[in-house]
Amino acid sequence: MALPDILKNSLEIPVIGSPLFIVSGPELVIAQCKAGIVGSFPALNARPAHVLEEWITRIKGELGEYQAKHPEKKVAPFAVNQICHSSNDRLAHDIDVCTKLEVPIIITSL
């Protein structure tokens, strides 16, 4: 299977850093992406809900700055994991935020 265009030329190795509940946040995601692997975090780690927009904005900003300063480096895209279970009352809000801010990759799980 061929890599999607978003991943071509941006990965050191084809790896997604696991979206770890409570553990994964902007710092870890940014470090993963700078290392050339897809960094990810669960949307529900950003609490309260309005913090999700702050996290995504920070991640995009820091990765953009890093790429501008280091054009020779591979900087991987990041992903937000959406819990698609009926108990997640934030799903619609979080999807709206990710769509508005053009998150490069969405991962889903139950």
PDB file of N, CA and C in Angstrom:
ATOM      1  N   MET A   1       0.841  -1.176   0.000  1.00  0.00           N
ATOM      2  CA  MET A   1       0.000   0.000   0.000  1.00  0.00           C
ATOM      3  C   MET A   1       0.887   1.241   0.000  1.00  0.00           C
ATOM      4  N   ALA A   2       0.571   2.172  -0.825  1.00  0.00           N
ATOM      5  CA  ALA A   2       1.332   3.422  -0.922  1.00  0.00           C
ATOM      6  C   ALA A   2       0.959   4.361   0.219  1.00  0.00           C
ATOM      7  N   LEU A   3       1.921   5.172   0.628  1.00  0.00           N
ATOM      8  CA  LEU A   3       1.652   6.171   1.657  1.00  0.00           C
ATOM      9  C   LEU A   3       0.791   7.291   1.086  1.00  0.00           C
ATOM     10  N   PRO A   4      -0.145   7.798   1.882  1.00  0.00           N
ATOM     11  CA  PRO A   4      -0.916   8.970   1.440  1.00  0.00           C
ATOM     12  C   PRO A   4       0.013  10.167   1.235  1.00  0.00           C
ATOM     13  N   ASP A   5      -0.391  11.087   0.379  1.00  0.00           N
ATOM     14  CA  ASP A   5       0.437  12.255   0.066  1.00  0.00           C
ATOM     15  C   ASP A   5       0.878  13.021   1.304  1.00  0.00           C
ATOM     16  N   ILE A   6       0.001  13.120   2.311  1.00  0.00           N
ATOM     17  CA  ILE A   6       0.338  13.895   3.509  1.00  0.00           C
ATOM     18  C   ILE A   6       1.552  13.316   4.242  1.00  0.00           C
ATOM     19  N   LEU A   7       1.837  12.019   4.016  1.00  0.00           N
ATOM     20  CA  LEU A   7       2.951  11.380   4.713  1.00  0.00           C
ATOM     21  C   LEU A   7       4.219  11.274   3.868  1.00  0.00           C
ATOM     22  N   LYS A   8       4.076  11.408   2.567  1.00  0.00           N
ATOM     23  CA  LYS A   8       5.259  11.309   1.708  1.00  0.00           C
ATOM     24  C   LYS A   8       6.232  12.439   2.021  1.00  0.00           C
ATOM     25  N   ASN A   9       7.483  12.074   2.153  1.00  0.00           N
ATOM     26  CA  ASN A   9       8.570  13.036   2.397  1.00  0.00           C
ATOM     27  C   ASN A   9       8.481  13.761   3.731  1.00  0.00           C
ATOM     28  N   SER A  10       7.626  13.304   4.656  1.00  0.00           N
ATOM     29  CA  SER A  10       7.569  13.968   5.961  1.00  0.00           C
ATOM     30  C   SER A  10       7.885  13.014   7.110  1.00  0.00           C
ATOM     31  N   LEU A  11       8.118  11.746   6.809  1.00  0.00           N
ATOM     32  CA  LEU A  11       8.387  10.764   7.860  1.00  0.00           C
ATOM     33  C   LEU A  11       9.810  10.237   7.789  1.00  0.00           C
ATOM     34  N   GLU A  12      10.428  10.079   8.955  1.00  0.00           N
ATOM     35  CA  GLU A  12      11.701   9.364   9.039  1.00  0.00           C
ATOM     36  C   GLU A  12      11.421   7.869   8.947  1.00  0.00           C
ATOM     37  N   ILE A  13      10.419   7.415   9.674  1.00  0.00           N
ATOM     38  CA  ILE A  13       9.940   6.035   9.610  1.00  0.00           C
ATOM     39  C   ILE A  13       8.413   6.078   9.709  1.00  0.00           C
ATOM     40  N   PRO A  14       7.721   5.099   9.127  1.00  0.00           N
ATOM     41  CA  PRO A  14       6.258   5.128   9.148  1.00  0.00           C
ATOM     42  C   PRO A  14       5.692   4.661  10.492  1.00  0.00           C
ATOM     43  N   VAL A  15       5.693   5.574  11.451  1.00  0.00           N
ATOM     44  CA  VAL A  15       5.246   5.271  12.813  1.00  0.00           C
ATOM     45  C   VAL A  15       4.287   6.354  13.278  1.00  0.00           C
ATOM     46  N   ILE A  16       3.270   5.926  14.030  1.00  0.00           N
ATOM     47  CA  ILE A  16       2.372   6.864  14.704  1.00  0.00           C
ATOM     48  C   ILE A  16       2.607   6.708  16.196  1.00  0.00           C
ATOM     49  N   GLY A  17       2.971   7.805  16.858  1.00  0.00           N
ATOM     50  CA  GLY A  17       3.108   7.785  18.308  1.00  0.00           C
ATOM     51  C   GLY A  17       1.726   7.591  18.922  1.00  0.00           C
ATOM     52  N   SER A  18       1.606   6.620  19.793  1.00  0.00           N
ATOM     53  CA  SER A  18       0.309   6.268  20.372  1.00  0.00           C
ATOM     54  C   SER A  18      -0.332   7.439  21.107  1.00  0.00           C
ATOM     55  N   PRO A  19      -1.636   7.670  20.876  1.00  0.00           N
ATOM     56  CA  PRO A  19      -2.342   8.724  21.610  1.00  0.00           C
ATOM     57  C   PRO A  19      -2.682   8.235  23.019  1.00  0.00           C
ATOM     58  N   LEU A  20      -1.809   8.477  23.963  1.00  0.00           N
ATOM     59  CA  LEU A  20      -1.945   7.946  25.319  1.00  0.00           C
ATOM     60  C   LEU A  20      -2.844   8.829  26.180  1.00  0.00           C
ATOM     61  N   PHE A  21      -3.851   8.221  26.784  1.00  0.00           N
ATOM     62  CA  PHE A  21      -4.760   8.957  27.656  1.00  0.00           C
ATOM     63  C   PHE A  21      -3.971   9.568  28.806  1.00  0.00           C
ATOM     64  N   ILE A  22      -4.200  10.811  29.073  1.00  0.00           N
ATOM     65  CA  ILE A  22      -3.582  11.652  30.103  1.00  0.00           C
ATOM     66  C   ILE A  22      -2.135  12.022  29.762  1.00  0.00           C
ATOM     67  N   VAL A  23      -1.357  11.106  29.198  1.00  0.00           N
ATOM     68  CA  VAL A  23       0.073  11.325  28.963  1.00  0.00           C
ATOM     69  C   VAL A  23       0.346  12.230  27.762  1.00  0.00           C
ATOM     70  N   SER A  24      -0.329  11.997  26.647  1.00  0.00           N
ATOM     71  CA  SER A  24      -0.030  12.724  25.404  1.00  0.00           C
ATOM     72  C   SER A  24      -0.601  14.133  25.420  1.00  0.00           C
ATOM     73  N   GLY A  25       0.271  15.081  25.149  1.00  0.00           N
ATOM     74  CA  GLY A  25      -0.119  16.486  25.080  1.00  0.00           C
ATOM     75  C   GLY A  25       0.756  17.191  24.069  1.00  0.00           C
ATOM     76  N   PRO A  26       0.669  18.498  23.995  1.00  0.00           N
ATOM     77  CA  PRO A  26       1.432  19.243  22.986  1.00  0.00           C
ATOM     78  C   PRO A  26       2.937  18.976  23.009  1.00  0.00           C
ATOM     79  N   GLU A  27       3.537  18.917  24.183  1.00  0.00           N
ATOM     80  CA  GLU A  27       4.992  18.734  24.255  1.00  0.00           C
ATOM     81  C   GLU A  27       5.416  17.429  23.594  1.00  0.00           C
ATOM     82  N   LEU A  28       4.729  16.335  23.942  1.00  0.00           N
ATOM     83  CA  LEU A  28       5.074  15.029  23.382  1.00  0.00           C
ATOM     84  C   LEU A  28       4.792  14.986  21.881  1.00  0.00           C
ATOM     85  N   VAL A  29       3.660  15.502  21.464  1.00  0.00           N
ATOM     86  CA  VAL A  29       3.294  15.502  20.044  1.00  0.00           C
ATOM     87  C   VAL A  29       4.314  16.295  19.228  1.00  0.00           C
ATOM     88  N   ILE A  30       4.687  17.455  19.698  1.00  0.00           N
ATOM     89  CA  ILE A  30       5.669  18.286  18.989  1.00  0.00           C
ATOM     90  C   ILE A  30       7.007  17.556  18.879  1.00  0.00           C
ATOM     91  N   ALA A  31       7.449  16.932  19.964  1.00  0.00           N
ATOM     92  CA  ALA A  31       8.713  16.189  19.937  1.00  0.00           C
ATOM     93  C   ALA A  31       8.641  15.024  18.952  1.00  0.00           C
ATOM     94  N   GLN A  32       7.524  14.314  18.927  1.00  0.00           N
ATOM     95  CA  GLN A  32       7.373  13.193  17.997  1.00  0.00           C
ATOM     96  C   GLN A  32       7.443  13.680  16.548  1.00  0.00           C
ATOM     97  N   CYS A  33       6.710  14.723  16.247  1.00  0.00           N
ATOM     98  CA  CYS A  33       6.686  15.246  14.872  1.00  0.00           C
ATOM     99  C   CYS A  33       8.061  15.747  14.442  1.00  0.00           C
ATOM    100  N   LYS A  34       8.773  16.407  15.344  1.00  0.00           N
ATOM    101  CA  LYS A  34      10.127  16.874  15.025  1.00  0.00           C
ATOM    102  C   LYS A  34      11.071  15.704  14.777  1.00  0.00           C
ATOM    103  N   ALA A  35      10.777  14.552  15.396  1.00  0.00           N
ATOM    104  CA  ALA A  35      11.599  13.355  15.202  1.00  0.00           C
ATOM    105  C   ALA A  35      11.216  12.597  13.933  1.00  0.00           C
ATOM    106  N   GLY A  36      10.191  13.068  13.228  1.00  0.00           N
ATOM    107  CA  GLY A  36       9.815  12.454  11.968  1.00  0.00           C
ATOM    108  C   GLY A  36       8.805  11.334  12.063  1.00  0.00           C
ATOM    109  N   ILE A  37       8.081  11.260  13.193  1.00  0.00           N
ATOM    110  CA  ILE A  37       6.977  10.305  13.302  1.00  0.00           C
ATOM    111  C   ILE A  37       5.696  11.085  13.592  1.00  0.00           C
ATOM    112  N   VAL A  38       4.568  10.506  13.233  1.00  0.00           N
ATOM    113  CA  VAL A  38       3.290  11.172  13.474  1.00  0.00           C
ATOM    114  C   VAL A  38       3.046  11.223  14.979  1.00  0.00           C
ATOM    115  N   GLY A  39       2.918  12.429  15.516  1.00  0.00           N
ATOM    116  CA  GLY A  39       2.576  12.601  16.921  1.00  0.00           C
ATOM    117  C   GLY A  39       1.064  12.662  17.058  1.00  0.00           C
ATOM    118  N   SER A  40       0.544  12.099  18.141  1.00  0.00           N
ATOM    119  CA  SER A  40      -0.911  12.113  18.304  1.00  0.00           C
ATOM    120  C   SER A  40      -1.296  12.249  19.772  1.00  0.00           C
ATOM    121  N   PHE A  41      -2.527  12.710  19.968  1.00  0.00           N
ATOM    122  CA  PHE A  41      -3.075  12.801  21.322  1.00  0.00           C
ATOM    123  C   PHE A  41      -4.588  12.622  21.257  1.00  0.00           C
ATOM    124  N   PRO A  42      -5.189  12.091  22.337  1.00  0.00           N
ATOM    125  CA  PRO A  42      -6.643  12.004  22.385  1.00  0.00           C
ATOM    126  C   PRO A  42      -7.238  13.396  22.603  1.00  0.00           C
ATOM    127  N   ALA A  43      -8.270  13.733  21.861  1.00  0.00           N
ATOM    128  CA  ALA A  43      -8.921  15.034  22.037  1.00  0.00           C
ATOM    129  C   ALA A  43      -9.353  15.238  23.483  1.00  0.00           C
ATOM    130  N   LEU A  44      -9.769  14.173  24.140  1.00  0.00           N
ATOM    131  CA  LEU A  44     -10.261  14.291  25.516  1.00  0.00           C
ATOM    132  C   LEU A  44      -9.165  14.628  26.520  1.00  0.00           C
ATOM    133  N   ASN A  45      -7.890  14.537  26.123  1.00  0.00           N
ATOM    134  CA  ASN A  45      -6.819  14.968  27.027  1.00  0.00           C
ATOM    135  C   ASN A  45      -6.831  16.480  27.224  1.00  0.00           C
ATOM    136  N   ALA A  46      -7.349  17.198  26.260  1.00  0.00           N
ATOM    137  CA  ALA A  46      -7.428  18.667  26.348  1.00  0.00           C
ATOM    138  C   ALA A  46      -8.673  19.005  27.159  1.00  0.00           C
ATOM    139  N   ARG A  47      -8.463  19.350  28.425  1.00  0.00           N
ATOM    140  CA  ARG A  47      -9.588  19.645  29.318  1.00  0.00           C
ATOM    141  C   ARG A  47      -9.392  20.988  29.980  1.00  0.00           C
ATOM    142  N   PRO A  48     -10.490  21.741  30.056  1.00  0.00           N
ATOM    143  CA  PRO A  48     -11.822  21.536  29.485  1.00  0.00           C
ATOM    144  C   PRO A  48     -11.797  21.659  27.964  1.00  0.00           C
ATOM    145  N   ALA A  49     -12.946  21.492  27.359  1.00  0.00           N
ATOM    146  CA  ALA A  49     -13.053  21.370  25.899  1.00  0.00           C
ATOM    147  C   ALA A  49     -12.406  22.524  25.136  1.00  0.00           C
ATOM    148  N   HIS A  50     -12.493  23.747  25.656  1.00  0.00           N
ATOM    149  CA  HIS A  50     -11.934  24.894  24.913  1.00  0.00           C
ATOM    150  C   HIS A  50     -10.413  24.827  24.781  1.00  0.00           C
ATOM    151  N   VAL A  51      -9.768  24.006  25.597  1.00  0.00           N
ATOM    152  CA  VAL A  51      -8.312  23.867  25.555  1.00  0.00           C
ATOM    153  C   VAL A  51      -7.860  23.160  24.271  1.00  0.00           C
ATOM    154  N   LEU A  52      -8.736  22.374  23.663  1.00  0.00           N
ATOM    155  CA  LEU A  52      -8.373  21.668  22.432  1.00  0.00           C
ATOM    156  C   LEU A  52      -7.902  22.646  21.357  1.00  0.00           C
ATOM    157  N   GLU A  53      -8.606  23.729  21.188  1.00  0.00           N
ATOM    158  CA  GLU A  53      -8.219  24.724  20.182  1.00  0.00           C
ATOM    159  C   GLU A  53      -6.845  25.315  20.504  1.00  0.00           C
ATOM    160  N   GLU A  54      -6.571  25.567  21.775  1.00  0.00           N
ATOM    161  CA  GLU A  54      -5.267  26.095  22.189  1.00  0.00           C
ATOM    162  C   GLU A  54      -4.156  25.097  21.863  1.00  0.00           C
ATOM    163  N   TRP A  55      -4.389  23.825  22.167  1.00  0.00           N
ATOM    164  CA  TRP A  55      -3.375  22.798  21.904  1.00  0.00           C
ATOM    165  C   TRP A  55      -3.062  22.702  20.415  1.00  0.00           C
ATOM    166  N   ILE A  56      -4.096  22.619  19.594  1.00  0.00           N
ATOM    167  CA  ILE A  56      -3.886  22.470  18.153  1.00  0.00           C
ATOM    168  C   ILE A  56      -3.164  23.690  17.590  1.00  0.00           C
ATOM    169  N   THR A  57      -3.566  24.868  18.020  1.00  0.00           N
ATOM    170  CA  THR A  57      -2.922  26.101  17.561  1.00  0.00           C
ATOM    171  C   THR A  57      -1.447  26.111  17.957  1.00  0.00           C
ATOM    172  N   ARG A  58      -1.151  25.702  19.173  1.00  0.00           N
ATOM    173  CA  ARG A  58       0.240  25.651  19.637  1.00  0.00           C
ATOM    174  C   ARG A  58       1.054  24.646  18.824  1.00  0.00           C
ATOM    175  N   ILE A  59       0.509  23.448  18.639  1.00  0.00           N
ATOM    176  CA  ILE A  59       1.221  22.408  17.891  1.00  0.00           C
ATOM    177  C   ILE A  59       1.513  22.886  16.473  1.00  0.00           C
ATOM    178  N   LYS A  60       0.506  23.401  15.790  1.00  0.00           N
ATOM    179  CA  LYS A  60       0.703  23.882  14.419  1.00  0.00           C
ATOM    180  C   LYS A  60       1.730  25.012  14.372  1.00  0.00           C
ATOM    181  N   GLY A  61       1.653  25.928  15.319  1.00  0.00           N
ATOM    182  CA  GLY A  61       2.578  27.056  15.345  1.00  0.00           C
ATOM    183  C   GLY A  61       4.013  26.628  15.576  1.00  0.00           C
ATOM    184  N   GLU A  62       4.233  25.789  16.582  1.00  0.00           N
ATOM    185  CA  GLU A  62       5.599  25.367  16.894  1.00  0.00           C
ATOM    186  C   GLU A  62       6.193  24.503  15.789  1.00  0.00           C
ATOM    187  N   LEU A  63       5.380  23.635  15.193  1.00  0.00           N
ATOM    188  CA  LEU A  63       5.900  22.816  14.096  1.00  0.00           C
ATOM    189  C   LEU A  63       6.201  23.669  12.868  1.00  0.00           C
ATOM    190  N   GLY A  64       5.362  24.655  12.601  1.00  0.00           N
ATOM    191  CA  GLY A  64       5.612  25.560  11.477  1.00  0.00           C
ATOM    192  C   GLY A  64       6.896  26.351  11.659  1.00  0.00           C
ATOM    193  N   GLU A  65       7.109  26.859  12.873  1.00  0.00           N
ATOM    194  CA  GLU A  65       8.339  27.600  13.168  1.00  0.00           C
ATOM    195  C   GLU A  65       9.563  26.703  13.028  1.00  0.00           C
ATOM    196  N   TYR A  66       9.465  25.483  13.556  1.00  0.00           N
ATOM    197  CA  TYR A  66      10.588  24.547  13.485  1.00  0.00           C
ATOM    198  C   TYR A  66      10.927  24.217  12.031  1.00  0.00           C
ATOM    199  N   GLN A  67       9.896  23.942  11.231  1.00  0.00           N
ATOM    200  CA  GLN A  67      10.123  23.609   9.821  1.00  0.00           C
ATOM    201  C   GLN A  67      10.755  24.780   9.075  1.00  0.00           C
ATOM    202  N   ALA A  68      10.326  26.000   9.396  1.00  0.00           N
ATOM    203  CA  ALA A  68      10.893  27.183   8.740  1.00  0.00           C
ATOM    204  C   ALA A  68      12.375  27.354   9.087  1.00  0.00           C
ATOM    205  N   LYS A  69      12.747  27.037  10.324  1.00  0.00           N
ATOM    206  CA  LYS A  69      14.136  27.167  10.758  1.00  0.00           C
ATOM    207  C   LYS A  69      14.999  25.995  10.304  1.00  0.00           C
ATOM    208  N   HIS A  70      14.366  24.855  10.040  1.00  0.00           N
ATOM    209  CA  HIS A  70      15.093  23.635   9.678  1.00  0.00           C
ATOM    210  C   HIS A  70      14.470  22.991   8.438  1.00  0.00           C
ATOM    211  N   PRO A  71      14.549  23.648   7.288  1.00  0.00           N
ATOM    212  CA  PRO A  71      13.889  23.115   6.087  1.00  0.00           C
ATOM    213  C   PRO A  71      14.442  21.766   5.624  1.00  0.00           C
ATOM    214  N   GLU A  72      15.636  21.424   6.074  1.00  0.00           N
ATOM    215  CA  GLU A  72      16.234  20.147   5.688  1.00  0.00           C
ATOM    216  C   GLU A  72      15.680  18.971   6.490  1.00  0.00           C
ATOM    217  N   LYS A  73      14.978  19.244   7.579  1.00  0.00           N
ATOM    218  CA  LYS A  73      14.446  18.198   8.468  1.00  0.00           C
ATOM    219  C   LYS A  73      13.074  17.728   8.003  1.00  0.00           C
ATOM    220  N   LYS A  74      12.800  16.454   8.271  1.00  0.00           N
ATOM    221  CA  LYS A  74      11.464  15.913   8.033  1.00  0.00           C
ATOM    222  C   LYS A  74      10.627  16.159   9.284  1.00  0.00           C
ATOM    223  N   VAL A  75       9.560  16.893   9.129  1.00  0.00           N
ATOM    224  CA  VAL A  75       8.641  17.165  10.232  1.00  0.00           C
ATOM    225  C   VAL A  75       7.319  16.494   9.880  1.00  0.00           C
ATOM    226  N   ALA A  76       6.958  15.505  10.679  1.00  0.00           N
ATOM    227  CA  ALA A  76       5.750  14.725  10.403  1.00  0.00           C
ATOM    228  C   ALA A  76       4.499  15.502  10.790  1.00  0.00           C
ATOM    229  N   PRO A  77       3.368  15.158  10.182  1.00  0.00           N
ATOM    230  CA  PRO A  77       2.100  15.764  10.593  1.00  0.00           C
ATOM    231  C   PRO A  77       1.666  15.193  11.943  1.00  0.00           C
ATOM    232  N   PHE A  78       0.679  15.805  12.543  1.00  0.00           N
ATOM    233  CA  PHE A  78       0.159  15.306  13.818  1.00  0.00           C
ATOM    234  C   PHE A  78      -1.269  14.818  13.634  1.00  0.00           C
ATOM    235  N   ALA A  79      -1.731  14.073  14.639  1.00  0.00           N
ATOM    236  CA  ALA A  79      -3.074  13.499  14.586  1.00  0.00           C
ATOM    237  C   ALA A  79      -3.796  13.741  15.905  1.00  0.00           C
ATOM    238  N   VAL A  80      -5.101  13.873  15.808  1.00  0.00           N
ATOM    239  CA  VAL A  80      -5.958  13.944  16.991  1.00  0.00           C
ATOM    240  C   VAL A  80      -6.829  12.698  16.986  1.00  0.00           C
ATOM    241  N   ASN A  81      -6.844  11.998  18.117  1.00  0.00           N
ATOM    242  CA  ASN A  81      -7.661  10.797  18.264  1.00  0.00           C
ATOM    243  C   ASN A  81      -9.028  11.185  18.812  1.00  0.00           C
ATOM    244  N   GLN A  82     -10.062  10.820  18.070  1.00  0.00           N
ATOM    245  CA  GLN A  82     -11.439  11.087  18.487  1.00  0.00           C
ATOM    246  C   GLN A  82     -12.074   9.794  18.984  1.00  0.00           C
ATOM    247  N   ILE A  83     -12.617   9.837  20.198  1.00  0.00           N
ATOM    248  CA  ILE A  83     -13.332   8.697  20.764  1.00  0.00           C
ATOM    249  C   ILE A  83     -14.763   8.760  20.242  1.00  0.00           C
ATOM    250  N   CYS A  84     -15.132   7.789  19.425  1.00  0.00           N
ATOM    251  CA  CYS A  84     -16.437   7.814  18.747  1.00  0.00           C
ATOM    252  C   CYS A  84     -17.481   6.969  19.473  1.00  0.00           C
ATOM    253  N   HIS A  85     -17.384   6.912  20.774  1.00  0.00           N
ATOM    254  CA  HIS A  85     -18.357   6.173  21.590  1.00  0.00           C
ATOM    255  C   HIS A  85     -19.490   7.108  21.987  1.00  0.00           C
ATOM    256  N   SER A  86     -20.674   6.557  22.158  1.00  0.00           N
ATOM    257  CA  SER A  86     -21.844   7.380  22.505  1.00  0.00           C
ATOM    258  C   SER A  86     -21.679   8.114  23.834  1.00  0.00           C
ATOM    259  N   SER A  87     -20.777   7.662  24.676  1.00  0.00           N
ATOM    260  CA  SER A  87     -20.556   8.331  25.966  1.00  0.00           C
ATOM    261  C   SER A  87     -19.730   9.616  25.837  1.00  0.00           C
ATOM    262  N   ASN A  88     -19.129   9.855  24.676  1.00  0.00           N
ATOM    263  CA  ASN A  88     -18.308  11.051  24.473  1.00  0.00           C
ATOM    264  C   ASN A  88     -19.207  12.214  24.051  1.00  0.00           C
ATOM    265  N   ASP A  89     -19.575  13.032  25.012  1.00  0.00           N
ATOM    266  CA  ASP A  89     -20.465  14.159  24.713  1.00  0.00           C
ATOM    267  C   ASP A  89     -19.740  15.337  24.063  1.00  0.00           C
ATOM    268  N   ARG A  90     -18.434  15.232  23.885  1.00  0.00           N
ATOM    269  CA  ARG A  90     -17.650  16.289  23.231  1.00  0.00           C
ATOM    270  C   ARG A  90     -17.378  16.021  21.764  1.00  0.00           C
ATOM    271  N   LEU A  91     -17.751  14.885  21.252  1.00  0.00           N
ATOM    272  CA  LEU A  91     -17.336  14.492  19.908  1.00  0.00           C
ATOM    273  C   LEU A  91     -17.671  15.547  18.857  1.00  0.00           C
ATOM    274  N   ALA A  92     -18.896  16.019  18.814  1.00  0.00           N
ATOM    275  CA  ALA A  92     -19.289  17.006  17.793  1.00  0.00           C
ATOM    276  C   ALA A  92     -18.454  18.280  17.921  1.00  0.00           C
ATOM    277  N   HIS A  93     -18.284  18.760  19.150  1.00  0.00           N
ATOM    278  CA  HIS A  93     -17.468  19.963  19.386  1.00  0.00           C
ATOM    279  C   HIS A  93     -16.034  19.745  18.911  1.00  0.00           C
ATOM    280  N   ASP A  94     -15.454  18.619  19.313  1.00  0.00           N
ATOM    281  CA  ASP A  94     -14.055  18.359  18.997  1.00  0.00           C
ATOM    282  C   ASP A  94     -13.828  18.175  17.497  1.00  0.00           C
ATOM    283  N   ILE A  95     -14.759  17.528  16.815  1.00  0.00           N
ATOM    284  CA  ILE A  95     -14.654  17.388  15.355  1.00  0.00           C
ATOM    285  C   ILE A  95     -14.742  18.763  14.692  1.00  0.00           C
ATOM    286  N   ASP A  96     -15.639  19.608  15.189  1.00  0.00           N
ATOM    287  CA  ASP A  96     -15.752  20.970  14.641  1.00  0.00           C
ATOM    288  C   ASP A  96     -14.437  21.734  14.783  1.00  0.00           C
ATOM    289  N   VAL A  97     -13.809  21.632  15.960  1.00  0.00           N
ATOM    290  CA  VAL A  97     -12.536  22.323  16.198  1.00  0.00           C
ATOM    291  C   VAL A  97     -11.459  21.782  15.251  1.00  0.00           C
ATOM    292  N   CYS A  98     -11.377  20.468  15.132  1.00  0.00           N
ATOM    293  CA  CYS A  98     -10.367  19.860  14.257  1.00  0.00           C
ATOM    294  C   CYS A  98     -10.580  20.253  12.799  1.00  0.00           C
ATOM    295  N   THR A  99     -11.829  20.333  12.388  1.00  0.00           N
ATOM    296  CA  THR A  99     -12.143  20.736  11.014  1.00  0.00           C
ATOM    297  C   THR A  99     -11.775  22.196  10.796  1.00  0.00           C
ATOM    298  N   LYS A 100     -12.178  23.044  11.724  1.00  0.00           N
ATOM    299  CA  LYS A 100     -11.892  24.481  11.619  1.00  0.00           C
ATOM    300  C   LYS A 100     -10.393  24.755  11.548  1.00  0.00           C
ATOM    301  N   LEU A 101      -9.620  24.034  12.354  1.00  0.00           N
ATOM    302  CA  LEU A 101      -8.176  24.268  12.420  1.00  0.00           C
ATOM    303  C   LEU A 101      -7.379  23.375  11.464  1.00  0.00           C
ATOM    304  N   GLU A 102      -8.084  22.626  10.632  1.00  0.00           N
ATOM    305  CA  GLU A 102      -7.460  21.793   9.604  1.00  0.00           C
ATOM    306  C   GLU A 102      -6.402  20.844  10.160  1.00  0.00           C
ATOM    307  N   VAL A 103      -6.807  20.059  11.159  1.00  0.00           N
ATOM    308  CA  VAL A 103      -5.920  19.028  11.703  1.00  0.00           C
ATOM    309  C   VAL A 103      -5.586  18.060  10.565  1.00  0.00           C
ATOM    310  N   PRO A 104      -4.294  17.750  10.371  1.00  0.00           N
ATOM    311  CA  PRO A 104      -3.912  16.944   9.212  1.00  0.00           C
ATOM    312  C   PRO A 104      -4.432  15.506   9.220  1.00  0.00           C
ATOM    313  N   ILE A 105      -4.504  14.890  10.411  1.00  0.00           N
ATOM    314  CA  ILE A 105      -4.920  13.483  10.500  1.00  0.00           C
ATOM    315  C   ILE A 105      -5.869  13.320  11.686  1.00  0.00           C
ATOM    316  N   ILE A 106      -6.948  12.581  11.469  1.00  0.00           N
ATOM    317  CA  ILE A 106      -7.863  12.213  12.548  1.00  0.00           C
ATOM    318  C   ILE A 106      -7.799  10.703  12.698  1.00  0.00           C
ATOM    319  N   ILE A 107      -7.625  10.254  13.937  1.00  0.00           N
ATOM    320  CA  ILE A 107      -7.663   8.834  14.273  1.00  0.00           C
ATOM    321  C   ILE A 107      -8.943   8.630  15.074  1.00  0.00           C
ATOM    322  N   THR A 108      -9.637   7.527  14.844  1.00  0.00           N
ATOM    323  CA  THR A 108     -10.843   7.264  15.627  1.00  0.00           C
ATOM    324  C   THR A 108     -10.712   5.957  16.387  1.00  0.00           C
ATOM    325  N   SER A 109     -11.382   5.914  17.519  1.00  0.00           N
ATOM    326  CA  SER A 109     -11.437   4.694  18.324  1.00  0.00           C
ATOM    327  C   SER A 109     -12.721   4.711  19.129  1.00  0.00           C
ATOM    328  N   LEU A 110     -13.058   3.552  19.661  1.00  0.00           N
ATOM    329  CA  LEU A 110     -14.228   3.475  20.527  1.00  0.00           C
ATOM    330  C   LEU A 110     -13.793   3.682  21.943  1.00  0.00           C
TER     331      LEU A 110
END
